[in-house]
Amino acid sequence: MKEVIQTVIQLEKSLFTDEVRKSTSALNKLIADNFIEVASTGIRFGKVEVLNRLPTEAAFTVESKDFEGRMLSDDNVMLLYQSSFKRDGSEFSDALRCSIWQRNNGQWQMIYHQGTNI
């Protein structure tokens, strides 16, 4: 169980990197087709919007901490954590985050994400 949660945490953190965010191929593998995100603004969107938006976004700095993983089933993990996000010399913006990852054909993919500003 701990090994699975650590794997999912590393996959979550990979989404903070330019290498993954700029790669439609990498994002396509990590984001499930039925993905839903509820942004801190309350806007809801899916995988198509992620694949269109993330590769074009400017680089940023993110710090994450206090990861808590919960096994919802053998093939579903929920991550809860806190992030601090900063872009282009702005102040850090803090948020509480929740992601749900699902194992599909042996591959972990994010199916849900929500960030709430704090």
N, C-alpha and C. Protein backbone atom coordinates (compact mmCIF):
# COMPACT_ATOMS: atom_id res chain seq x y z
N MET A 1 0.82 -1.19 0.00
CA MET A 1 0.00 0.00 0.00
C MET A 1 0.87 1.26 0.00
N LYS A 2 1.87 1.33 0.88
CA LYS A 2 2.75 2.50 0.93
C LYS A 2 3.48 2.70 -0.39
N GLU A 3 3.89 1.60 -1.01
CA GLU A 3 4.60 1.67 -2.28
C GLU A 3 3.71 2.27 -3.37
N VAL A 4 2.45 1.86 -3.41
CA VAL A 4 1.50 2.39 -4.39
C VAL A 4 1.31 3.89 -4.17
N ILE A 5 1.11 4.29 -2.93
CA ILE A 5 0.90 5.71 -2.63
C ILE A 5 2.14 6.52 -3.00
N GLN A 6 3.33 6.01 -2.73
CA GLN A 6 4.55 6.73 -3.10
C GLN A 6 4.67 6.87 -4.62
N THR A 7 4.29 5.84 -5.35
CA THR A 7 4.29 5.90 -6.81
C THR A 7 3.36 7.00 -7.31
N VAL A 8 2.17 7.05 -6.75
CA VAL A 8 1.19 8.05 -7.17
C VAL A 8 1.66 9.46 -6.79
N ILE A 9 2.27 9.62 -5.64
CA ILE A 9 2.81 10.94 -5.25
C ILE A 9 3.86 11.39 -6.27
N GLN A 10 4.73 10.49 -6.68
CA GLN A 10 5.76 10.84 -7.67
C GLN A 10 5.13 11.22 -9.01
N LEU A 11 4.08 10.51 -9.41
CA LEU A 11 3.39 10.87 -10.65
C LEU A 11 2.75 12.24 -10.53
N GLU A 12 2.14 12.52 -9.38
CA GLU A 12 1.53 13.85 -9.14
C GLU A 12 2.61 14.93 -9.26
N LYS A 13 3.74 14.72 -8.61
CA LYS A 13 4.82 15.71 -8.65
C LYS A 13 5.38 15.88 -10.06
N SER A 14 5.35 14.82 -10.86
CA SER A 14 5.86 14.94 -12.23
C SER A 14 5.03 15.95 -13.03
N LEU A 15 3.77 16.11 -12.66
CA LEU A 15 2.91 17.07 -13.35
C LEU A 15 3.30 18.52 -13.06
N PHE A 16 4.18 18.73 -12.10
CA PHE A 16 4.68 20.08 -11.80
C PHE A 16 5.86 20.45 -12.69
N THR A 17 6.44 19.48 -13.39
CA THR A 17 7.67 19.72 -14.15
C THR A 17 7.37 20.20 -15.57
N ASP A 18 8.24 21.07 -16.09
CA ASP A 18 8.10 21.54 -17.46
C ASP A 18 8.18 20.38 -18.44
N GLU A 19 9.05 19.41 -18.15
CA GLU A 19 9.23 18.27 -19.04
C GLU A 19 7.90 17.57 -19.33
N VAL A 20 7.10 17.34 -18.28
CA VAL A 20 5.82 16.67 -18.45
C VAL A 20 4.76 17.65 -18.96
N ARG A 21 4.70 18.83 -18.40
CA ARG A 21 3.66 19.79 -18.77
C ARG A 21 3.75 20.22 -20.23
N LYS A 22 4.92 20.23 -20.79
CA LYS A 22 5.10 20.64 -22.20
C LYS A 22 4.91 19.48 -23.17
N SER A 23 4.73 18.27 -22.66
CA SER A 23 4.64 17.08 -23.50
C SER A 23 3.20 16.56 -23.57
N THR A 24 2.56 16.75 -24.70
CA THR A 24 1.20 16.24 -24.87
C THR A 24 1.17 14.73 -24.71
N SER A 25 2.21 14.06 -25.17
CA SER A 25 2.30 12.60 -25.06
C SER A 25 2.35 12.17 -23.59
N ALA A 26 3.19 12.81 -22.79
CA ALA A 26 3.30 12.47 -21.37
C ALA A 26 1.99 12.77 -20.65
N LEU A 27 1.39 13.92 -20.94
CA LEU A 27 0.12 14.29 -20.31
C LEU A 27 -0.98 13.30 -20.69
N ASN A 28 -0.98 12.89 -21.93
CA ASN A 28 -1.99 11.94 -22.40
C ASN A 28 -1.92 10.62 -21.64
N LYS A 29 -0.71 10.20 -21.26
CA LYS A 29 -0.54 8.97 -20.49
C LYS A 29 -0.98 9.13 -19.04
N LEU A 30 -0.76 10.32 -18.46
CA LEU A 30 -1.03 10.54 -17.04
C LEU A 30 -2.46 10.99 -16.74
N ILE A 31 -3.13 11.53 -17.73
CA ILE A 31 -4.48 12.06 -17.53
C ILE A 31 -5.48 11.12 -18.20
N ALA A 32 -6.45 10.64 -17.44
CA ALA A 32 -7.45 9.71 -17.95
C ALA A 32 -8.40 10.42 -18.92
N ASP A 33 -8.96 9.66 -19.85
CA ASP A 33 -9.88 10.24 -20.82
C ASP A 33 -11.10 10.86 -20.15
N ASN A 34 -11.53 10.31 -19.01
CA ASN A 34 -12.71 10.83 -18.31
C ASN A 34 -12.34 11.81 -17.20
N PHE A 35 -11.15 12.39 -17.27
CA PHE A 35 -10.64 13.34 -16.26
C PHE A 35 -11.56 14.54 -16.09
N ILE A 36 -11.70 14.97 -14.83
CA ILE A 36 -12.43 16.20 -14.49
C ILE A 36 -11.56 17.00 -13.52
N GLU A 37 -11.46 18.29 -13.77
CA GLU A 37 -10.82 19.19 -12.81
C GLU A 37 -11.81 20.29 -12.47
N VAL A 38 -11.83 20.64 -11.19
CA VAL A 38 -12.57 21.81 -10.74
C VAL A 38 -11.51 22.79 -10.25
N ALA A 39 -11.34 23.87 -11.00
CA ALA A 39 -10.32 24.87 -10.69
C ALA A 39 -10.75 25.69 -9.48
N SER A 40 -9.78 26.40 -8.91
CA SER A 40 -10.07 27.24 -7.74
C SER A 40 -11.08 28.33 -8.07
N THR A 41 -11.25 28.62 -9.35
CA THR A 41 -12.23 29.61 -9.79
C THR A 41 -13.63 29.02 -9.88
N GLY A 42 -13.73 27.69 -9.73
CA GLY A 42 -15.02 27.02 -9.84
C GLY A 42 -15.31 26.49 -11.24
N ILE A 43 -14.42 26.78 -12.19
CA ILE A 43 -14.61 26.31 -13.56
C ILE A 43 -14.26 24.82 -13.63
N ARG A 44 -15.09 24.07 -14.32
CA ARG A 44 -14.89 22.64 -14.50
C ARG A 44 -14.42 22.37 -15.93
N PHE A 45 -13.41 21.52 -16.09
CA PHE A 45 -12.95 21.18 -17.43
C PHE A 45 -12.40 19.76 -17.45
N GLY A 46 -12.08 19.28 -18.65
CA GLY A 46 -11.64 17.90 -18.81
C GLY A 46 -10.30 17.76 -19.49
N LYS A 47 -10.02 16.57 -19.96
CA LYS A 47 -8.72 16.23 -20.54
C LYS A 47 -8.38 17.07 -21.76
N VAL A 48 -9.33 17.29 -22.64
CA VAL A 48 -9.06 18.07 -23.86
C VAL A 48 -8.53 19.45 -23.50
N GLU A 49 -9.15 20.09 -22.53
CA GLU A 49 -8.70 21.43 -22.12
C GLU A 49 -7.30 21.37 -21.51
N VAL A 50 -7.01 20.33 -20.73
CA VAL A 50 -5.67 20.17 -20.14
C VAL A 50 -4.62 20.01 -21.23
N LEU A 51 -4.90 19.16 -22.21
CA LEU A 51 -3.93 18.92 -23.28
C LEU A 51 -3.72 20.16 -24.14
N ASN A 52 -4.73 21.00 -24.25
CA ASN A 52 -4.60 22.25 -25.02
C ASN A 52 -3.90 23.35 -24.23
N ARG A 53 -4.13 23.39 -22.91
CA ARG A 53 -3.64 24.50 -22.09
C ARG A 53 -2.23 24.31 -21.54
N LEU A 54 -1.97 23.18 -20.89
CA LEU A 54 -0.72 23.02 -20.15
C LEU A 54 0.55 23.19 -21.01
N PRO A 55 0.62 22.62 -22.21
CA PRO A 55 1.85 22.78 -22.98
C PRO A 55 2.17 24.23 -23.36
N THR A 56 1.19 25.12 -23.30
CA THR A 56 1.42 26.51 -23.69
C THR A 56 1.63 27.44 -22.50
N GLU A 57 1.45 26.93 -21.28
CA GLU A 57 1.59 27.79 -20.10
C GLU A 57 3.04 28.14 -19.81
N ALA A 58 3.23 29.32 -19.24
CA ALA A 58 4.56 29.76 -18.82
C ALA A 58 5.05 28.91 -17.65
N ALA A 59 6.36 28.81 -17.54
CA ALA A 59 6.97 28.04 -16.44
C ALA A 59 6.59 28.67 -15.10
N PHE A 60 6.63 27.85 -14.05
CA PHE A 60 6.29 28.31 -12.72
C PHE A 60 7.09 27.51 -11.70
N THR A 61 7.00 27.97 -10.46
CA THR A 61 7.63 27.26 -9.35
C THR A 61 6.52 26.74 -8.46
N VAL A 62 6.63 25.48 -8.04
CA VAL A 62 5.64 24.93 -7.14
C VAL A 62 6.35 24.17 -6.03
N GLU A 63 5.87 24.34 -4.84
CA GLU A 63 6.33 23.57 -3.69
C GLU A 63 5.12 22.81 -3.17
N SER A 64 5.34 21.57 -2.78
CA SER A 64 4.23 20.77 -2.26
C SER A 64 4.66 20.09 -0.96
N LYS A 65 3.69 19.88 -0.08
CA LYS A 65 4.02 19.27 1.20
C LYS A 65 2.78 18.60 1.80
N ASP A 66 2.99 17.89 2.88
CA ASP A 66 1.92 17.27 3.66
C ASP A 66 1.05 16.31 2.84
N PHE A 67 1.70 15.51 2.00
CA PHE A 67 0.95 14.53 1.21
C PHE A 67 0.32 13.48 2.12
N GLU A 68 -0.93 13.21 1.85
CA GLU A 68 -1.65 12.14 2.53
C GLU A 68 -2.31 11.30 1.44
N GLY A 69 -1.98 10.02 1.41
CA GLY A 69 -2.57 9.13 0.42
C GLY A 69 -3.57 8.19 1.07
N ARG A 70 -4.69 8.00 0.39
CA ARG A 70 -5.72 7.08 0.89
C ARG A 70 -6.09 6.11 -0.23
N MET A 71 -6.00 4.84 0.08
CA MET A 71 -6.43 3.82 -0.87
C MET A 71 -7.95 3.75 -0.83
N LEU A 72 -8.59 4.09 -1.93
CA LEU A 72 -10.04 4.01 -2.01
C LEU A 72 -10.47 2.61 -2.44
N SER A 73 -9.60 1.95 -3.17
CA SER A 73 -9.77 0.54 -3.57
C SER A 73 -8.39 0.08 -4.06
N ASP A 74 -8.28 -1.14 -4.52
CA ASP A 74 -6.99 -1.62 -5.02
C ASP A 74 -6.49 -0.79 -6.20
N ASP A 75 -7.40 -0.19 -6.95
CA ASP A 75 -7.04 0.55 -8.16
C ASP A 75 -7.37 2.03 -8.11
N ASN A 76 -7.62 2.58 -6.92
CA ASN A 76 -7.95 4.00 -6.79
C ASN A 76 -7.27 4.59 -5.56
N VAL A 77 -6.55 5.69 -5.77
CA VAL A 77 -5.85 6.37 -4.68
C VAL A 77 -6.26 7.84 -4.69
N MET A 78 -6.56 8.36 -3.50
CA MET A 78 -6.82 9.78 -3.34
C MET A 78 -5.63 10.42 -2.65
N LEU A 79 -5.12 11.50 -3.23
CA LEU A 79 -4.04 12.28 -2.62
C LEU A 79 -4.59 13.60 -2.13
N LEU A 80 -4.19 13.97 -0.93
CA LEU A 80 -4.49 15.29 -0.37
C LEU A 80 -3.15 15.93 -0.04
N TYR A 81 -2.98 17.21 -0.36
CA TYR A 81 -1.73 17.89 -0.05
C TYR A 81 -1.90 19.40 -0.16
N GLN A 82 -0.85 20.10 0.24
CA GLN A 82 -0.84 21.55 0.15
C GLN A 82 0.22 21.97 -0.86
N SER A 83 -0.10 22.97 -1.66
CA SER A 83 0.87 23.47 -2.62
C SER A 83 1.03 24.98 -2.48
N SER A 84 2.21 25.44 -2.90
CA SER A 84 2.50 26.86 -3.04
C SER A 84 2.98 27.06 -4.48
N PHE A 85 2.35 27.98 -5.18
CA PHE A 85 2.54 28.15 -6.61
C PHE A 85 2.95 29.59 -6.89
N LYS A 86 3.94 29.76 -7.78
CA LYS A 86 4.43 31.10 -8.09
C LYS A 86 4.82 31.16 -9.56
N ARG A 87 4.38 32.22 -10.23
CA ARG A 87 4.69 32.40 -11.65
C ARG A 87 5.16 33.83 -11.89
N ASP A 88 6.21 33.96 -12.70
CA ASP A 88 6.67 35.27 -13.16
C ASP A 88 6.87 36.31 -12.06
N GLY A 89 7.57 35.96 -10.99
CA GLY A 89 7.89 36.91 -9.95
C GLY A 89 6.73 37.29 -9.04
N SER A 90 5.60 36.65 -9.19
CA SER A 90 4.46 36.95 -8.32
C SER A 90 4.69 36.34 -6.94
N GLU A 91 3.82 36.67 -6.02
CA GLU A 91 3.87 36.06 -4.68
C GLU A 91 3.37 34.62 -4.77
N PHE A 92 3.79 33.80 -3.82
CA PHE A 92 3.29 32.43 -3.77
C PHE A 92 1.80 32.43 -3.46
N SER A 93 1.07 31.54 -4.12
CA SER A 93 -0.35 31.32 -3.88
C SER A 93 -0.50 29.92 -3.31
N ASP A 94 -1.12 29.81 -2.14
CA ASP A 94 -1.25 28.52 -1.47
C ASP A 94 -2.62 27.91 -1.74
N ALA A 95 -2.63 26.58 -1.83
CA ALA A 95 -3.89 25.87 -2.08
C ALA A 95 -3.85 24.50 -1.41
N LEU A 96 -5.02 24.03 -1.05
CA LEU A 96 -5.21 22.63 -0.65
C LEU A 96 -5.65 21.91 -1.90
N ARG A 97 -5.08 20.73 -2.14
CA ARG A 97 -5.35 20.01 -3.38
C ARG A 97 -5.79 18.58 -3.09
N CYS A 98 -6.62 18.08 -3.98
CA CYS A 98 -7.09 16.70 -3.92
C CYS A 98 -7.04 16.13 -5.34
N SER A 99 -6.41 14.98 -5.48
CA SER A 99 -6.38 14.26 -6.76
C SER A 99 -6.80 12.83 -6.53
N ILE A 100 -7.49 12.28 -7.50
CA ILE A 100 -7.82 10.86 -7.47
C ILE A 100 -7.16 10.22 -8.68
N TRP A 101 -6.41 9.17 -8.41
CA TRP A 101 -5.69 8.41 -9.44
C TRP A 101 -6.30 7.02 -9.54
N GLN A 102 -6.39 6.54 -10.76
CA GLN A 102 -6.96 5.21 -11.01
C GLN A 102 -6.00 4.41 -11.87
N ARG A 103 -5.84 3.14 -11.51
CA ARG A 103 -4.99 2.24 -12.31
C ARG A 103 -5.84 1.67 -13.45
N ASN A 104 -5.43 1.99 -14.68
CA ASN A 104 -6.12 1.52 -15.88
C ASN A 104 -5.13 0.71 -16.71
N ASN A 105 -5.40 -0.58 -16.87
CA ASN A 105 -4.51 -1.46 -17.62
C ASN A 105 -3.07 -1.37 -17.13
N GLY A 106 -2.89 -1.32 -15.80
CA GLY A 106 -1.56 -1.28 -15.20
C GLY A 106 -0.92 0.09 -15.14
N GLN A 107 -1.56 1.11 -15.69
CA GLN A 107 -1.03 2.48 -15.74
C GLN A 107 -1.84 3.38 -14.83
N TRP A 108 -1.18 4.10 -13.92
CA TRP A 108 -1.87 5.06 -13.07
C TRP A 108 -2.18 6.32 -13.85
N GLN A 109 -3.45 6.76 -13.78
CA GLN A 109 -3.88 7.97 -14.44
C GLN A 109 -4.74 8.80 -13.48
N MET A 110 -4.59 10.12 -13.58
CA MET A 110 -5.41 11.02 -12.78
C MET A 110 -6.79 11.10 -13.39
N ILE A 111 -7.82 10.91 -12.56
CA ILE A 111 -9.19 11.01 -13.05
C ILE A 111 -9.91 12.24 -12.48
N TYR A 112 -9.35 12.84 -11.41
CA TYR A 112 -9.99 13.99 -10.79
C TYR A 112 -8.95 14.85 -10.10
N HIS A 113 -9.14 16.16 -10.17
CA HIS A 113 -8.27 17.08 -9.42
C HIS A 113 -9.07 18.32 -9.05
N GLN A 114 -8.81 18.81 -7.83
CA GLN A 114 -9.41 20.06 -7.38
C GLN A 114 -8.42 20.79 -6.50
N GLY A 115 -8.33 22.09 -6.70
CA GLY A 115 -7.50 22.95 -5.86
C GLY A 115 -8.36 24.03 -5.24
N THR A 116 -8.17 24.26 -3.94
CA THR A 116 -8.92 25.30 -3.23
C THR A 116 -7.92 26.27 -2.63
N ASN A 117 -7.98 27.52 -3.04
CA ASN A 117 -7.06 28.53 -2.51
C ASN A 117 -7.24 28.69 -1.01
N ILE A 118 -6.10 28.90 -0.31
CA ILE A 118 -6.16 29.17 1.12
C ILE A 118 -5.38 30.44 1.42
